[in-house]
């Protein structure tokens, strides 16, 4: 059972949020190995902040022969849905998270596999045939869609590859061809794990940080809205509630004037190594600002600095993903 933890430092921030004030975070995670009963994960050192995620692994091949296998890093899916705004750190690039990886200190140049789907059918070949980038965000994709022949555009609308978005931007009514496909991207490479030797693998990237200009779980002086879902996802406890109430008491209208940031780390998709557990697991979370309020679920978490919190475990088996909620002071200039 995970203990409820409040890892704090109080902040003041913004008014209640509406749907168009919210940006959804993309869940990211770590490396996945092809199934092996001989390669053990001796340790994992995971660091999470709003600016970067770094993961340092030590793998060991316990067999008497070298093992060649595939190592992969699944990127989060990108959906071209005009009704769902997501936080993408590096908009124009296929490597939108800035993923980098090394093995025993040597830089790895992974291959990138991308597939596009609409209505659960693969449509990557259709996109490539028309010179449309698979990445559904960015100006290059929008420009390519506008150049489509009308008969192709009509066919793509019928097949759910694109939708026609209609709006008035003040200069007249617009009809825009908008991506509606889903992009799946995976970085992968072949790796050799020598018999009986440790292999150190490290990777880093910039996380997708969702946010809301206000609180979705507290407004009009009480906990409501998304509170129950947040309480379970982020382990919000009584100390957290008191901190939010205290902030609300300092502001007119019983609103705490806070804004949310959210990070999601997928921890439960690994386990394709010997025993399925991690020999030594260390998690460090850095909230960035000492005044920020942060809450997440964990066992034996301790504060190690003005902004950092640490959890360690032996023979660790991840039972749930890591979801982090941060509340920050709302700038009076915003």
Protein backbone atom coordinates (compact mmCIF):
# COMPACT_ATOMS: atom_id res chain seq x y z
CA UNK A 1 0.00 0.00 0.00
CA UNK A 2 1.40 3.39 -0.97
CA UNK A 3 1.42 5.95 1.79
CA UNK A 4 -0.16 9.34 1.16
CA UNK A 5 2.54 11.98 1.08
CA UNK A 6 2.51 15.74 0.97
CA UNK A 7 5.84 17.10 -0.14
CA UNK A 8 5.42 20.77 0.29
CA UNK A 9 6.34 24.37 0.53
CA UNK A 10 3.38 26.66 0.03
CA UNK A 11 2.68 28.81 -3.00
CA UNK A 12 -0.01 31.25 -4.06
CA UNK A 13 -1.45 31.17 -7.60
CA UNK A 14 -4.48 31.63 -10.06
CA UNK A 15 -8.29 31.67 -10.50
CA UNK A 16 -10.52 28.67 -11.28
CA UNK A 17 -9.68 27.16 -14.66
CA UNK A 18 -11.89 26.53 -17.64
CA UNK A 19 -11.35 23.83 -20.27
CA UNK A 20 -9.45 26.08 -22.66
CA UNK A 21 -7.05 27.06 -19.86
CA UNK A 22 -5.81 23.49 -19.50
CA UNK A 23 -2.98 21.64 -21.25
CA UNK A 24 -2.77 17.86 -20.87
CA UNK A 25 0.51 16.16 -20.00
CA UNK A 26 1.83 13.24 -22.05
CA UNK A 27 2.84 10.20 -20.04
CA UNK A 28 6.45 9.17 -20.66
CA UNK A 29 8.56 6.42 -19.17
CA UNK A 30 11.77 4.42 -19.37
CA UNK A 31 13.45 1.78 -21.50
CA UNK A 32 11.92 -1.53 -22.54
CA UNK A 33 14.04 -4.61 -23.29
CA UNK A 34 13.09 -7.59 -25.38
CA UNK A 35 12.09 -10.40 -23.04
CA UNK A 36 15.09 -11.92 -21.22
CA UNK A 37 15.35 -14.28 -18.26
CA UNK A 38 19.10 -13.67 -17.99
CA UNK A 39 19.44 -9.88 -17.94
CA UNK A 40 18.72 -8.37 -14.52
CA UNK A 41 18.22 -4.70 -13.70
CA UNK A 42 20.58 -4.21 -10.79
CA UNK A 43 19.64 -0.59 -10.24
CA UNK A 44 17.58 2.31 -11.56
CA UNK A 45 18.22 5.93 -10.55
CA UNK A 46 15.32 8.10 -11.72
CA UNK A 47 15.29 11.90 -11.52
CA UNK A 48 12.18 13.93 -12.41
CA UNK A 49 11.77 17.68 -12.64
CA UNK A 50 9.80 20.03 -14.84
CA UNK A 51 12.88 20.66 -16.99
CA UNK A 52 14.29 17.17 -17.42
CA UNK A 53 13.97 13.48 -16.71
CA UNK A 54 17.13 11.41 -16.40
CA UNK A 55 17.34 7.67 -15.82
CA UNK A 56 20.52 5.75 -15.04
CA UNK A 57 20.35 1.95 -15.22
CA UNK A 58 22.77 -0.84 -14.43
CA UNK A 59 21.94 -4.10 -16.21
CA UNK A 60 23.79 -7.38 -15.72
CA UNK A 61 23.76 -10.46 -17.89
CA UNK A 62 23.81 -13.40 -15.48
CA UNK A 63 24.29 -16.06 -18.14
CA UNK A 64 27.54 -17.50 -19.47
CA UNK A 65 27.06 -16.16 -23.00
CA UNK A 66 26.71 -12.66 -24.47
CA UNK A 67 23.16 -11.59 -25.26
CA UNK A 68 22.20 -9.41 -28.24
CA UNK A 69 18.77 -7.83 -27.87
CA UNK A 70 16.59 -4.87 -28.74
CA UNK A 71 16.26 -1.91 -26.39
CA UNK A 72 13.42 0.54 -27.05
CA UNK A 73 12.14 3.86 -25.78
CA UNK A 74 8.45 4.38 -26.65
CA UNK A 75 7.59 8.04 -27.14
CA UNK A 76 4.11 9.12 -26.02
CA UNK A 77 1.43 8.98 -28.70
CA UNK A 78 0.59 12.29 -30.38
CA UNK A 79 -3.02 12.68 -31.44
CA UNK A 80 -4.09 15.26 -33.99
CA UNK A 81 -7.26 16.04 -32.09
CA UNK A 82 -8.26 19.73 -32.21
CA UNK A 83 -10.33 19.26 -29.04
CA UNK A 84 -7.39 17.99 -26.96
CA UNK A 85 -4.53 20.35 -26.20
CA UNK A 86 -1.34 18.61 -25.07
CA UNK A 87 1.96 19.96 -23.81
CA UNK A 88 4.69 19.20 -26.35
CA UNK A 89 8.15 20.45 -25.33
CA UNK A 90 9.67 20.68 -28.83
CA UNK A 91 6.84 21.23 -31.30
CA UNK A 92 8.52 21.11 -34.75
CA UNK A 93 10.66 18.00 -34.24
CA UNK A 94 10.04 14.26 -34.53
CA UNK A 95 12.20 14.01 -31.41
CA UNK A 96 9.84 16.34 -29.58
CA UNK A 97 11.16 15.28 -26.16
CA UNK A 98 14.83 15.75 -27.04
CA UNK A 99 15.60 12.11 -26.23
CA UNK A 100 19.30 11.22 -25.76
CA UNK A 101 20.88 7.93 -24.66
CA UNK A 102 24.35 6.57 -23.79
CA UNK A 103 25.65 3.08 -23.01
CA UNK A 104 28.78 2.79 -20.83
CA UNK A 105 29.42 6.44 -21.56
CA UNK A 106 29.16 6.11 -25.37
CA UNK A 107 26.47 8.01 -27.22
CA UNK A 108 23.89 5.82 -28.95
CA UNK A 109 22.25 6.89 -32.21
CA UNK A 110 18.92 5.07 -32.03
CA UNK A 111 16.66 4.40 -34.98
CA UNK A 112 13.20 5.95 -35.04
CA UNK A 113 10.16 3.93 -36.06
CA UNK A 114 6.94 5.88 -36.64
CA UNK A 115 3.44 4.69 -37.52
CA UNK A 116 0.30 6.74 -38.08
CA UNK A 117 -3.23 5.47 -37.44
CA UNK A 118 -6.75 6.71 -38.18
CA UNK A 119 -9.81 4.71 -37.12
CA UNK A 120 -7.34 2.02 -35.93
CA UNK A 121 -5.99 1.59 -39.50
CA UNK A 122 -2.44 2.46 -40.50
CA UNK A 123 -2.34 5.51 -42.78
CA UNK A 124 1.36 6.35 -42.83
CA UNK A 125 1.72 5.33 -46.49
CA UNK A 126 -1.13 7.68 -47.45
CA UNK A 127 0.51 10.58 -45.65
CA UNK A 128 3.93 9.93 -47.17
CA UNK A 129 2.49 9.59 -50.68
CA UNK A 130 1.12 13.14 -50.41
CA UNK A 131 4.26 14.58 -48.80
CA UNK A 132 2.52 15.11 -45.45
CA UNK A 133 4.74 14.73 -42.34
CA UNK A 134 3.65 11.96 -39.98
CA UNK A 135 4.03 14.32 -37.03
CA UNK A 136 0.53 15.84 -36.66
CA UNK A 137 1.61 19.09 -35.00
CA UNK A 138 3.56 21.98 -36.45
CA UNK A 139 3.41 24.36 -39.37
CA UNK A 140 4.93 21.97 -41.94
CA UNK A 141 2.05 19.53 -41.50
CA UNK A 142 -0.59 22.26 -41.71
CA UNK A 143 0.99 23.66 -44.87
CA UNK A 144 1.13 20.22 -46.51
CA UNK A 145 -2.54 19.55 -45.75
CA UNK A 146 -3.59 22.82 -47.35
CA UNK A 147 -1.87 21.73 -50.59
CA UNK A 148 -3.79 18.45 -50.85
CA UNK A 149 -5.92 17.97 -53.98
CA UNK A 150 -9.58 18.38 -53.10
CA UNK A 151 -10.48 14.78 -53.96
CA UNK A 152 -7.74 13.50 -51.62
CA UNK A 153 -8.87 15.83 -48.84
CA UNK A 154 -12.48 14.67 -49.24
CA UNK A 155 -11.37 11.03 -49.07
CA UNK A 156 -9.28 11.71 -45.94
CA UNK A 157 -12.23 13.38 -44.23
CA UNK A 158 -14.40 10.32 -44.94
CA UNK A 159 -11.68 8.01 -43.57
CA UNK A 160 -11.11 10.05 -40.40
CA UNK A 161 -7.54 11.04 -41.29
CA UNK A 162 -8.36 14.75 -41.14
CA UNK A 163 -11.26 16.92 -40.02
CA UNK A 164 -12.37 20.31 -41.27
CA UNK A 165 -12.12 22.86 -38.49
CA UNK A 166 -14.33 25.93 -38.95
CA UNK A 167 -13.89 29.20 -37.09
CA UNK A 168 -13.93 32.97 -37.43
CA UNK A 169 -10.60 34.60 -36.53
CA UNK A 170 -11.95 38.13 -36.96
CA UNK A 171 -11.07 38.35 -40.63
CA UNK A 172 -13.84 36.10 -41.85
CA UNK A 173 -14.97 32.48 -41.67
CA UNK A 174 -12.16 29.92 -42.05
CA UNK A 175 -12.21 26.24 -42.98
CA UNK A 176 -8.95 24.50 -42.11
CA UNK A 177 -7.84 20.92 -42.82
CA UNK A 178 -6.75 19.59 -39.44
CA UNK A 179 -4.87 16.35 -38.58
CA UNK A 180 -6.92 13.69 -36.83
CA UNK A 181 -4.52 10.76 -36.99
CA UNK A 182 -2.50 9.32 -34.10
CA UNK A 183 1.30 9.06 -34.31
CA UNK A 184 3.17 6.28 -32.53
CA UNK A 185 6.94 6.77 -32.29
CA UNK A 186 9.59 4.47 -30.82
CA UNK A 187 13.34 4.91 -30.61
CA UNK A 188 15.20 1.59 -30.64
CA UNK A 189 18.67 0.09 -31.00
CA UNK A 190 20.46 -3.24 -30.82
CA UNK A 191 22.53 -3.79 -27.68
CA UNK A 192 24.98 -6.43 -26.51
CA UNK A 193 25.06 -7.44 -22.85
CA UNK A 194 28.36 -9.28 -22.18
CA UNK A 195 28.19 -12.36 -19.99
CA UNK A 196 28.61 -11.60 -16.29
CA UNK A 197 29.34 -7.90 -16.78
CA UNK A 198 27.39 -4.78 -15.81
CA UNK A 199 26.19 -2.42 -18.54
CA UNK A 200 25.44 1.19 -17.63
CA UNK A 201 22.69 2.79 -19.73
CA UNK A 202 21.58 6.39 -19.25
CA UNK A 203 18.96 8.43 -21.03
CA UNK A 204 17.43 11.84 -20.65
CA UNK A 205 14.66 13.92 -22.16
CA UNK A 206 12.46 16.91 -21.50
CA UNK A 207 9.10 15.87 -20.02
CA UNK A 208 5.68 16.92 -21.21
CA UNK A 209 4.34 19.12 -18.40
CA UNK A 210 0.60 19.67 -18.36
CA UNK A 211 -0.94 22.63 -16.62
CA UNK A 212 -4.08 24.50 -15.72
CA UNK A 213 -4.46 28.22 -15.08
CA UNK A 214 -6.16 27.68 -11.75
CA UNK A 215 -7.28 24.64 -9.75
CA UNK A 216 -9.67 22.03 -11.08
CA UNK A 217 -10.26 20.49 -7.63
CA UNK A 218 -10.83 23.56 -5.40
CA UNK A 219 -12.92 26.65 -6.07
CA UNK A 220 -15.67 28.70 -4.45
CA UNK A 221 -14.00 27.99 -1.12
CA UNK A 222 -14.25 24.20 -1.13
CA UNK A 223 -12.86 21.00 -2.60
CA UNK A 224 -14.96 19.88 -5.54
CA UNK A 225 -14.75 19.17 -9.27
CA UNK A 226 -11.78 16.85 -9.90
CA UNK A 227 -10.83 16.55 -6.22
CA UNK A 228 -11.66 12.86 -5.74
CA UNK A 229 -9.77 11.84 -8.87
CA UNK A 230 -6.82 14.02 -7.84
CA UNK A 231 -6.88 12.65 -4.27
CA UNK A 232 -6.37 9.13 -5.58
CA UNK A 233 -3.97 9.93 -8.40
CA UNK A 234 -1.66 12.25 -6.44
CA UNK A 235 -2.29 10.98 -2.87
CA UNK A 236 -3.55 14.34 -1.61
CA UNK A 237 -3.76 14.17 2.17
CA UNK A 238 -5.08 16.35 5.01
CA UNK A 239 -1.90 18.41 5.09
CA UNK A 240 -2.36 19.21 1.42
CA UNK A 241 -5.97 20.26 2.01
CA UNK A 242 -4.90 22.53 4.86
CA UNK A 243 -2.22 24.14 2.68
CA UNK A 244 -4.77 24.92 -0.04
CA UNK A 245 -7.28 26.26 2.51
CA UNK A 246 -4.57 28.45 4.02
CA UNK A 247 -3.80 29.92 0.60
CA UNK A 248 -7.50 30.49 -0.04
CA UNK A 249 -7.86 32.32 3.26
CA UNK A 250 -5.30 34.90 2.17
CA UNK A 251 -7.25 35.86 -0.93
CA UNK A 252 -10.61 37.47 -1.48
CA UNK A 253 -13.33 35.23 -2.85
CA UNK A 254 -12.00 32.10 -1.07
CA UNK A 255 -9.89 31.12 -4.11
CA UNK A 256 -6.27 30.13 -3.44
CA UNK A 257 -4.96 31.79 -6.63
CA UNK A 258 -2.85 28.79 -7.59
CA UNK A 259 -2.09 27.11 -10.89
CA UNK A 260 -1.32 23.45 -11.56
CA UNK A 261 1.56 21.71 -13.26
CA UNK A 262 1.39 17.95 -13.82
CA UNK A 263 3.97 15.32 -14.81
CA UNK A 264 3.19 11.69 -15.60
CA UNK A 265 5.90 9.01 -15.66
CA UNK A 266 5.00 5.51 -16.85
CA UNK A 267 6.81 3.08 -14.55
CA UNK A 268 4.76 -0.10 -14.99
CA UNK A 269 5.48 -1.01 -18.64
CA UNK A 270 8.97 -2.47 -18.06
CA UNK A 271 9.78 -5.73 -16.32
CA UNK A 272 11.13 -7.70 -19.31
CA UNK A 273 14.24 -8.62 -17.35
CA UNK A 274 15.17 -11.40 -14.94
CA UNK A 275 12.95 -11.46 -11.81
CA UNK A 276 10.92 -8.50 -13.13
CA UNK A 277 11.93 -6.38 -10.15
CA UNK A 278 14.61 -3.69 -9.79
CA UNK A 279 17.46 -4.57 -7.44
CA UNK A 280 17.94 -1.05 -6.12
CA UNK A 281 15.51 1.70 -7.06
CA UNK A 282 16.00 5.39 -6.33
CA UNK A 283 13.54 8.15 -7.20
CA UNK A 284 14.39 11.85 -6.87
CA UNK A 285 11.78 14.53 -7.53
CA UNK A 286 12.78 18.19 -7.77
CA UNK A 287 9.90 20.65 -7.49
CA UNK A 288 12.10 23.54 -8.67
CA UNK A 289 10.84 26.37 -6.45
CA UNK A 290 11.10 26.03 -2.64
CA UNK A 291 7.73 27.79 -2.36
CA UNK A 292 5.95 25.31 -4.63
CA UNK A 293 3.55 22.72 -3.28
CA UNK A 294 4.03 19.19 -4.65
CA UNK A 295 2.22 15.93 -3.99
CA UNK A 296 2.70 12.39 -5.29
CA UNK A 297 2.40 8.82 -4.06
CA UNK A 298 5.33 6.92 -2.56
CA UNK A 299 6.69 4.92 0.35
CA UNK A 300 9.38 6.20 2.71
CA UNK A 301 9.80 9.51 0.92
CA UNK A 302 12.16 11.94 2.62
CA UNK A 303 13.14 15.52 1.94
CA UNK A 304 16.77 15.82 0.89
CA UNK A 305 17.01 19.54 0.04
CA UNK A 306 14.99 22.76 -0.32
CA UNK A 307 13.35 21.41 -3.49
CA UNK A 308 14.21 17.70 -3.63
CA UNK A 309 12.56 14.56 -2.30
CA UNK A 310 13.88 11.01 -2.45
CA UNK A 311 12.52 7.49 -2.24
CA UNK A 312 14.64 4.32 -2.26
CA UNK A 313 13.69 0.65 -2.31
CA UNK A 314 15.32 -2.77 -2.71
CA UNK A 315 13.86 -5.48 -4.95
CA UNK A 316 11.38 -2.88 -6.13
CA UNK A 317 8.43 -3.92 -8.27
CA UNK A 318 6.49 -0.93 -9.68
CA UNK A 319 2.81 -1.34 -8.91
CA UNK A 320 1.70 2.03 -10.23
CA UNK A 321 2.93 4.90 -12.36
CA UNK A 322 4.32 8.14 -10.96
CA UNK A 323 1.98 11.14 -11.15
CA UNK A 324 3.22 14.46 -9.80
CA UNK A 325 1.11 17.53 -9.02
CA UNK A 326 2.77 20.90 -8.45
CA UNK A 327 1.10 24.14 -7.39
CA UNK A 328 2.83 27.46 -7.96
CA UNK A 329 2.35 31.10 -7.14
CA UNK A 330 0.23 32.86 -9.73
CA UNK A 331 2.14 35.83 -11.11
CA UNK A 332 0.31 39.09 -10.50
CA UNK A 333 1.40 40.17 -13.95
CA UNK A 334 -0.49 37.32 -15.61
